[in-house]
Protein backbone atom coordinates (compact mmCIF):
# COMPACT_ATOMS: atom_id res chain seq x y z
CA UNK A 1 0.00 0.00 0.00
CA UNK A 2 1.68 3.19 -1.17
CA UNK A 3 -0.13 6.07 0.42
CA UNK A 4 1.19 9.58 0.07
CA UNK A 5 1.20 11.75 3.16
CA UNK A 6 1.38 15.41 2.32
CA UNK A 7 2.08 16.66 5.83
CA UNK A 8 5.14 16.02 7.92
CA UNK A 9 4.88 14.25 11.25
CA UNK A 10 5.49 17.60 12.93
CA UNK A 11 2.61 19.22 11.03
CA UNK A 12 0.23 16.42 12.02
CA UNK A 13 1.33 16.71 15.66
CA UNK A 14 0.70 20.45 15.57
CA UNK A 15 -2.79 19.89 14.15
CA UNK A 16 -3.55 17.53 17.05
CA UNK A 17 -2.21 20.11 19.51
CA UNK A 18 -4.44 22.79 18.03
CA UNK A 19 -7.47 20.52 18.31
CA UNK A 20 -6.71 19.77 21.96
CA UNK A 21 -6.23 23.49 22.59
CA UNK A 22 -9.63 24.23 21.01
CA UNK A 23 -11.31 21.61 23.19
CA UNK A 24 -9.60 23.04 26.28
CA UNK A 25 -10.77 26.55 25.45
CA UNK A 26 -14.28 25.34 24.59
CA UNK A 27 -14.45 23.73 28.03
CA UNK A 28 -13.32 27.03 29.60
CA UNK A 29 -10.19 25.49 31.11
CA UNK A 30 -6.89 27.35 31.37
CA UNK A 31 -3.57 25.63 30.74
CA UNK A 32 -2.88 25.85 34.47
CA UNK A 33 -6.19 24.20 35.33
CA UNK A 34 -5.61 21.48 32.76
CA UNK A 35 -2.21 20.87 34.30
CA UNK A 36 -3.77 20.41 37.74
CA UNK A 37 -6.57 18.19 36.43
CA UNK A 38 -4.36 15.99 34.25
CA UNK A 39 -1.12 15.77 36.18
CA UNK A 40 0.79 16.99 33.12
CA UNK A 41 3.14 19.86 33.87
CA UNK A 42 2.12 23.35 32.83
CA UNK A 43 5.35 23.64 30.81
CA UNK A 44 4.54 20.46 28.88
CA UNK A 45 1.05 21.71 28.03
CA UNK A 46 2.40 25.09 26.97
CA UNK A 47 5.08 23.44 24.78
CA UNK A 48 2.54 21.00 23.33
CA UNK A 49 0.12 23.72 22.28
CA UNK A 50 2.96 25.71 20.74
CA UNK A 51 4.96 22.93 19.05
CA UNK A 52 2.89 19.74 19.04
CA UNK A 53 5.54 17.90 21.07
CA UNK A 54 4.29 15.68 23.92
CA UNK A 55 4.62 12.11 25.09
CA UNK A 56 1.82 9.68 24.33
CA UNK A 57 1.25 9.19 28.07
CA UNK A 58 0.83 12.94 28.60
CA UNK A 59 -1.46 13.23 25.58
CA UNK A 60 -3.60 10.44 27.03
CA UNK A 61 -3.75 12.22 30.39
CA UNK A 62 -4.86 15.44 28.68
CA UNK A 63 -7.53 13.57 26.73
CA UNK A 64 -8.85 11.97 29.92
CA UNK A 65 -8.94 15.32 31.73
CA UNK A 66 -10.82 16.89 28.82
CA UNK A 67 -13.32 14.04 28.58
CA UNK A 68 -11.92 12.85 25.25
CA UNK A 69 -10.43 9.49 26.26
CA UNK A 70 -12.41 7.66 23.57
CA UNK A 71 -10.49 9.59 20.92
CA UNK A 72 -7.28 7.97 22.14
CA UNK A 73 -8.85 4.63 23.01
CA UNK A 74 -10.24 4.12 19.50
CA UNK A 75 -7.21 5.38 17.60
CA UNK A 76 -6.17 2.80 14.96
CA UNK A 77 -9.26 0.72 15.69
CA UNK A 78 -10.80 0.91 12.22
CA UNK A 79 -7.72 0.88 9.99
CA UNK A 80 -8.72 -0.62 6.64
CA UNK A 81 -6.77 -3.52 5.18
CA UNK A 82 -4.25 -2.45 2.57
CA UNK A 83 -4.15 -5.79 0.77
CA UNK A 84 -5.41 -9.36 0.87
CA UNK A 85 -2.01 -10.33 2.28
CA UNK A 86 -2.75 -8.25 5.39
CA UNK A 87 -6.01 -10.14 5.88
CA UNK A 88 -4.20 -13.46 5.61
CA UNK A 89 -1.41 -12.35 7.98
CA UNK A 90 -3.89 -11.19 10.59
CA UNK A 91 -5.66 -14.54 10.63
CA UNK A 92 -2.42 -16.46 11.39
């Protein structure tokens, strides 16, 4: 399966960060409050919203604190098969 990705990994990460930031603002939560609620440091949240850089564990903690855990939980759940070979490999 040759799929072209037109964004870099960094651009995709930044898009995710912007979405999380929008959810935070929609919920009326400051970065400081999100830090307290999630256990993720204020500096990490600030850096994440600015650069998109964060650990998966911290991203999961933010999602839980914002009530978006299902977004993380279901990630990669419905990935379509790329070929018949993938179907065969999965059944082994």
